[in-house]
Amino acid sequence: MARYKLVNTLTFGEMFVQALIWTVLIVVTFGLAAPFFAYYFLKLIINKTEIHEF
């Protein structure tokens, strides 16, 4: 029976830059970008996750 594990390849730098960009967008749009930030951040985490067999 094969065993799998989830490996996230997202680096701290990528998270920090995205959080900084979205913080600026939220301030500039007076909070209108906040719901989209939550969706985008979850999508980013899922897209950077890989399944490895061990």
PDB file of N, CA and C in Angstrom:
ATOM      1  N   MET A   1       0.843  -1.180   0.000  1.00  0.00           N
ATOM      2  CA  MET A   1       0.000   0.000   0.000  1.00  0.00           C
ATOM      3  C   MET A   1       0.886   1.240   0.000  1.00  0.00           C
ATOM      4  N   ALA A   2       0.652   2.117  -0.940  1.00  0.00           N
ATOM      5  CA  ALA A   2       1.471   3.325  -1.066  1.00  0.00           C
ATOM      6  C   ALA A   2       1.084   4.333   0.008  1.00  0.00           C
ATOM      7  N   ARG A   3       2.090   5.052   0.472  1.00  0.00           N
ATOM      8  CA  ARG A   3       1.856   6.108   1.461  1.00  0.00           C
ATOM      9  C   ARG A   3       2.214   7.441   0.816  1.00  0.00           C
ATOM     10  N   TYR A   4       1.470   8.443   1.160  1.00  0.00           N
ATOM     11  CA  TYR A   4       1.651   9.760   0.572  1.00  0.00           C
ATOM     12  C   TYR A   4       1.772  10.799   1.663  1.00  0.00           C
ATOM     13  N   LYS A   5       2.458  11.889   1.326  1.00  0.00           N
ATOM     14  CA  LYS A   5       2.500  13.028   2.238  1.00  0.00           C
ATOM     15  C   LYS A   5       2.384  14.305   1.422  1.00  0.00           C
ATOM     16  N   LEU A   6       1.814  15.325   2.037  1.00  0.00           N
ATOM     17  CA  LEU A   6       1.671  16.626   1.390  1.00  0.00           C
ATOM     18  C   LEU A   6       2.894  17.470   1.717  1.00  0.00           C
ATOM     19  N   VAL A   7       3.482  18.057   0.679  1.00  0.00           N
ATOM     20  CA  VAL A   7       4.663  18.895   0.842  1.00  0.00           C
ATOM     21  C   VAL A   7       4.350  20.266   0.261  1.00  0.00           C
ATOM     22  N   ASN A   8       4.502  21.287   1.077  1.00  0.00           N
ATOM     23  CA  ASN A   8       4.241  22.648   0.624  1.00  0.00           C
ATOM     24  C   ASN A   8       5.573  23.298   0.253  1.00  0.00           C
ATOM     25  N   THR A   9       5.671  23.822  -0.962  1.00  0.00           N
ATOM     26  CA  THR A   9       6.917  24.419  -1.449  1.00  0.00           C
ATOM     27  C   THR A   9       6.899  25.944  -1.379  1.00  0.00           C
ATOM     28  N   LEU A  10       5.929  26.492  -0.682  1.00  0.00           N
ATOM     29  CA  LEU A  10       5.805  27.938  -0.553  1.00  0.00           C
ATOM     30  C   LEU A  10       6.880  28.455   0.400  1.00  0.00           C
ATOM     31  N   THR A  11       7.631  29.461  -0.028  1.00  0.00           N
ATOM     32  CA  THR A  11       8.688  30.009   0.814  1.00  0.00           C
ATOM     33  C   THR A  11       8.180  31.217   1.597  1.00  0.00           C
ATOM     34  N   PHE A  12       8.913  31.554   2.643  1.00  0.00           N
ATOM     35  CA  PHE A  12       8.544  32.700   3.463  1.00  0.00           C
ATOM     36  C   PHE A  12       8.572  33.983   2.638  1.00  0.00           C
ATOM     37  N   GLY A  13       9.547  34.106   1.752  1.00  0.00           N
ATOM     38  CA  GLY A  13       9.657  35.300   0.915  1.00  0.00           C
ATOM     39  C   GLY A  13       8.449  35.492   0.022  1.00  0.00           C
ATOM     40  N   GLU A  14       7.964  34.401  -0.575  1.00  0.00           N
ATOM     41  CA  GLU A  14       6.774  34.488  -1.424  1.00  0.00           C
ATOM     42  C   GLU A  14       5.550  34.914  -0.613  1.00  0.00           C
ATOM     43  N   MET A  15       5.407  34.350   0.575  1.00  0.00           N
ATOM     44  CA  MET A  15       4.273  34.725   1.427  1.00  0.00           C
ATOM     45  C   MET A  15       4.370  36.183   1.852  1.00  0.00           C
ATOM     46  N   PHE A  16       5.562  36.621   2.218  1.00  0.00           N
ATOM     47  CA  PHE A  16       5.754  37.985   2.696  1.00  0.00           C
ATOM     48  C   PHE A  16       5.454  39.002   1.592  1.00  0.00           C
ATOM     49  N   VAL A  17       5.953  38.754   0.397  1.00  0.00           N
ATOM     50  CA  VAL A  17       5.722  39.680  -0.726  1.00  0.00           C
ATOM     51  C   VAL A  17       4.238  39.749  -1.061  1.00  0.00           C
ATOM     52  N   GLN A  18       3.576  38.605  -1.114  1.00  0.00           N
ATOM     53  CA  GLN A  18       2.144  38.599  -1.421  1.00  0.00           C
ATOM     54  C   GLN A  18       1.345  39.311  -0.332  1.00  0.00           C
ATOM     55  N   ALA A  19       1.684  39.080   0.924  1.00  0.00           N
ATOM     56  CA  ALA A  19       0.985  39.752   2.022  1.00  0.00           C
ATOM     57  C   ALA A  19       1.204  41.261   1.954  1.00  0.00           C
ATOM     58  N   LEU A  20       2.399  41.683   1.615  1.00  0.00           N
ATOM     59  CA  LEU A  20       2.699  43.107   1.500  1.00  0.00           C
ATOM     60  C   LEU A  20       1.908  43.747   0.357  1.00  0.00           C
ATOM     61  N   ILE A  21       1.887  43.094  -0.787  1.00  0.00           N
ATOM     62  CA  ILE A  21       1.142  43.609  -1.937  1.00  0.00           C
ATOM     63  C   ILE A  21      -0.349  43.703  -1.610  1.00  0.00           C
ATOM     64  N   TRP A  22      -0.897  42.660  -0.997  1.00  0.00           N
ATOM     65  CA  TRP A  22      -2.321  42.671  -0.675  1.00  0.00           C
ATOM     66  C   TRP A  22      -2.649  43.678   0.409  1.00  0.00           C
ATOM     67  N   THR A  23      -1.735  43.912   1.339  1.00  0.00           N
ATOM     68  CA  THR A  23      -1.967  44.940   2.364  1.00  0.00           C
ATOM     69  C   THR A  23      -2.078  46.314   1.710  1.00  0.00           C
ATOM     70  N   VAL A  24      -1.209  46.595   0.755  1.00  0.00           N
ATOM     71  CA  VAL A  24      -1.274  47.869   0.036  1.00  0.00           C
ATOM     72  C   VAL A  24      -2.585  47.964  -0.741  1.00  0.00           C
ATOM     73  N   LEU A  25      -2.979  46.876  -1.402  1.00  0.00           N
ATOM     74  CA  LEU A  25      -4.241  46.879  -2.148  1.00  0.00           C
ATOM     75  C   LEU A  25      -5.440  47.108  -1.234  1.00  0.00           C
ATOM     76  N   ILE A  26      -5.428  46.498  -0.056  1.00  0.00           N
ATOM     77  CA  ILE A  26      -6.539  46.668   0.879  1.00  0.00           C
ATOM     78  C   ILE A  26      -6.621  48.116   1.351  1.00  0.00           C
ATOM     79  N   VAL A  27      -5.477  48.728   1.607  1.00  0.00           N
ATOM     80  CA  VAL A  27      -5.471  50.125   2.047  1.00  0.00           C
ATOM     81  C   VAL A  27      -5.924  51.041   0.918  1.00  0.00           C
ATOM     82  N   VAL A  28      -5.429  50.827  -0.280  1.00  0.00           N
ATOM     83  CA  VAL A  28      -5.757  51.692  -1.418  1.00  0.00           C
ATOM     84  C   VAL A  28      -7.237  51.587  -1.781  1.00  0.00           C
ATOM     85  N   THR A  29      -7.807  50.386  -1.687  1.00  0.00           N
ATOM     86  CA  THR A  29      -9.214  50.201  -2.059  1.00  0.00           C
ATOM     87  C   THR A  29     -10.154  50.342  -0.864  1.00  0.00           C
ATOM     88  N   PHE A  30      -9.648  50.843   0.251  1.00  0.00           N
ATOM     89  CA  PHE A  30     -10.454  51.048   1.469  1.00  0.00           C
ATOM     90  C   PHE A  30     -11.145  49.761   1.928  1.00  0.00           C
ATOM     91  N   GLY A  31     -10.438  48.647   1.832  1.00  0.00           N
ATOM     92  CA  GLY A  31     -10.936  47.378   2.338  1.00  0.00           C
ATOM     93  C   GLY A  31     -11.696  46.519   1.345  1.00  0.00           C
ATOM     94  N   LEU A  32     -11.922  47.010   0.148  1.00  0.00           N
ATOM     95  CA  LEU A  32     -12.685  46.226  -0.826  1.00  0.00           C
ATOM     96  C   LEU A  32     -11.932  44.998  -1.329  1.00  0.00           C
ATOM     97  N   ALA A  33     -10.624  44.984  -1.203  1.00  0.00           N
ATOM     98  CA  ALA A  33      -9.830  43.854  -1.678  1.00  0.00           C
ATOM     99  C   ALA A  33      -9.704  42.748  -0.628  1.00  0.00           C
ATOM    100  N   ALA A  34     -10.179  42.977   0.587  1.00  0.00           N
ATOM    101  CA  ALA A  34     -10.000  42.009   1.674  1.00  0.00           C
ATOM    102  C   ALA A  34     -10.619  40.637   1.384  1.00  0.00           C
ATOM    103  N   PRO A  35     -11.847  40.537   0.901  1.00  0.00           N
ATOM    104  CA  PRO A  35     -12.394  39.198   0.621  1.00  0.00           C
ATOM    105  C   PRO A  35     -11.608  38.456  -0.466  1.00  0.00           C
ATOM    106  N   PHE A  36     -11.097  39.184  -1.426  1.00  0.00           N
ATOM    107  CA  PHE A  36     -10.323  38.562  -2.496  1.00  0.00           C
ATOM    108  C   PHE A  36      -8.966  38.088  -2.004  1.00  0.00           C
ATOM    109  N   PHE A  37      -8.424  38.756  -0.996  1.00  0.00           N
ATOM    110  CA  PHE A  37      -7.145  38.345  -0.406  1.00  0.00           C
ATOM    111  C   PHE A  37      -7.268  36.962   0.212  1.00  0.00           C
ATOM    112  N   ALA A  38      -8.340  36.729   0.957  1.00  0.00           N
ATOM    113  CA  ALA A  38      -8.533  35.426   1.594  1.00  0.00           C
ATOM    114  C   ALA A  38      -8.605  34.322   0.544  1.00  0.00           C
ATOM    115  N   TYR A  39      -9.363  34.543  -0.511  1.00  0.00           N
ATOM    116  CA  TYR A  39      -9.474  33.558  -1.585  1.00  0.00           C
ATOM    117  C   TYR A  39      -8.123  33.334  -2.259  1.00  0.00           C
ATOM    118  N   TYR A  40      -7.418  34.417  -2.592  1.00  0.00           N
ATOM    119  CA  TYR A  40      -6.148  34.298  -3.299  1.00  0.00           C
ATOM    120  C   TYR A  40      -5.105  33.578  -2.451  1.00  0.00           C
ATOM    121  N   PHE A  41      -5.062  33.882  -1.158  1.00  0.00           N
ATOM    122  CA  PHE A  41      -4.042  33.283  -0.291  1.00  0.00           C
ATOM    123  C   PHE A  41      -4.271  31.778  -0.145  1.00  0.00           C
ATOM    124  N   LEU A  42      -5.526  31.368   0.007  1.00  0.00           N
ATOM    125  CA  LEU A  42      -5.815  29.932   0.070  1.00  0.00           C
ATOM    126  C   LEU A  42      -5.463  29.247  -1.242  1.00  0.00           C
ATOM    127  N   LYS A  43      -5.765  29.908  -2.355  1.00  0.00           N
ATOM    128  CA  LYS A  43      -5.435  29.358  -3.665  1.00  0.00           C
ATOM    129  C   LYS A  43      -3.916  29.218  -3.826  1.00  0.00           C
ATOM    130  N   LEU A  44      -3.166  30.195  -3.352  1.00  0.00           N
ATOM    131  CA  LEU A  44      -1.710  30.156  -3.423  1.00  0.00           C
ATOM    132  C   LEU A  44      -1.161  28.968  -2.638  1.00  0.00           C
ATOM    133  N   ILE A  45      -1.676  28.752  -1.453  1.00  0.00           N
ATOM    134  CA  ILE A  45      -1.212  27.635  -0.624  1.00  0.00           C
ATOM    135  C   ILE A  45      -1.532  26.301  -1.296  1.00  0.00           C
ATOM    136  N   ILE A  46      -2.728  26.164  -1.823  1.00  0.00           N
ATOM    137  CA  ILE A  46      -3.112  24.908  -2.480  1.00  0.00           C
ATOM    138  C   ILE A  46      -2.279  24.666  -3.734  1.00  0.00           C
ATOM    139  N   ASN A  47      -2.009  25.701  -4.508  1.00  0.00           N
ATOM    140  CA  ASN A  47      -1.224  25.539  -5.733  1.00  0.00           C
ATOM    141  C   ASN A  47       0.237  25.201  -5.465  1.00  0.00           C
ATOM    142  N   LYS A  48       0.754  25.567  -4.318  1.00  0.00           N
ATOM    143  CA  LYS A  48       2.143  25.273  -3.979  1.00  0.00           C
ATOM    144  C   LYS A  48       2.307  23.972  -3.190  1.00  0.00           C
ATOM    145  N   THR A  49       1.224  23.199  -3.050  1.00  0.00           N
ATOM    146  CA  THR A  49       1.273  21.940  -2.318  1.00  0.00           C
ATOM    147  C   THR A  49       1.374  20.780  -3.302  1.00  0.00           C
ATOM    148  N   GLU A  50       2.291  19.867  -3.010  1.00  0.00           N
ATOM    149  CA  GLU A  50       2.511  18.701  -3.864  1.00  0.00           C
ATOM    150  C   GLU A  50       2.278  17.438  -3.054  1.00  0.00           C
ATOM    151  N   ILE A  51       1.926  16.359  -3.740  1.00  0.00           N
ATOM    152  CA  ILE A  51       1.756  15.054  -3.101  1.00  0.00           C
ATOM    153  C   ILE A  51       2.969  14.208  -3.454  1.00  0.00           C
ATOM    154  N   HIS A  52       3.677  13.737  -2.432  1.00  0.00           N
ATOM    155  CA  HIS A  52       4.849  12.904  -2.634  1.00  0.00           C
ATOM    156  C   HIS A  52       4.577  11.507  -2.088  1.00  0.00           C
ATOM    157  N   GLU A  53       5.030  10.514  -2.830  1.00  0.00           N
ATOM    158  CA  GLU A  53       4.907   9.124  -2.370  1.00  0.00           C
ATOM    159  C   GLU A  53       6.173   8.746  -1.635  1.00  0.00           C
ATOM    160  N   PHE A  54       6.012   8.093  -0.492  1.00  0.00           N
ATOM    161  CA  PHE A  54       7.198   7.621   0.233  1.00  0.00           C
ATOM    162  C   PHE A  54       6.987   6.236   0.768  1.00  0.00           C
TER     163      PHE A  54
END
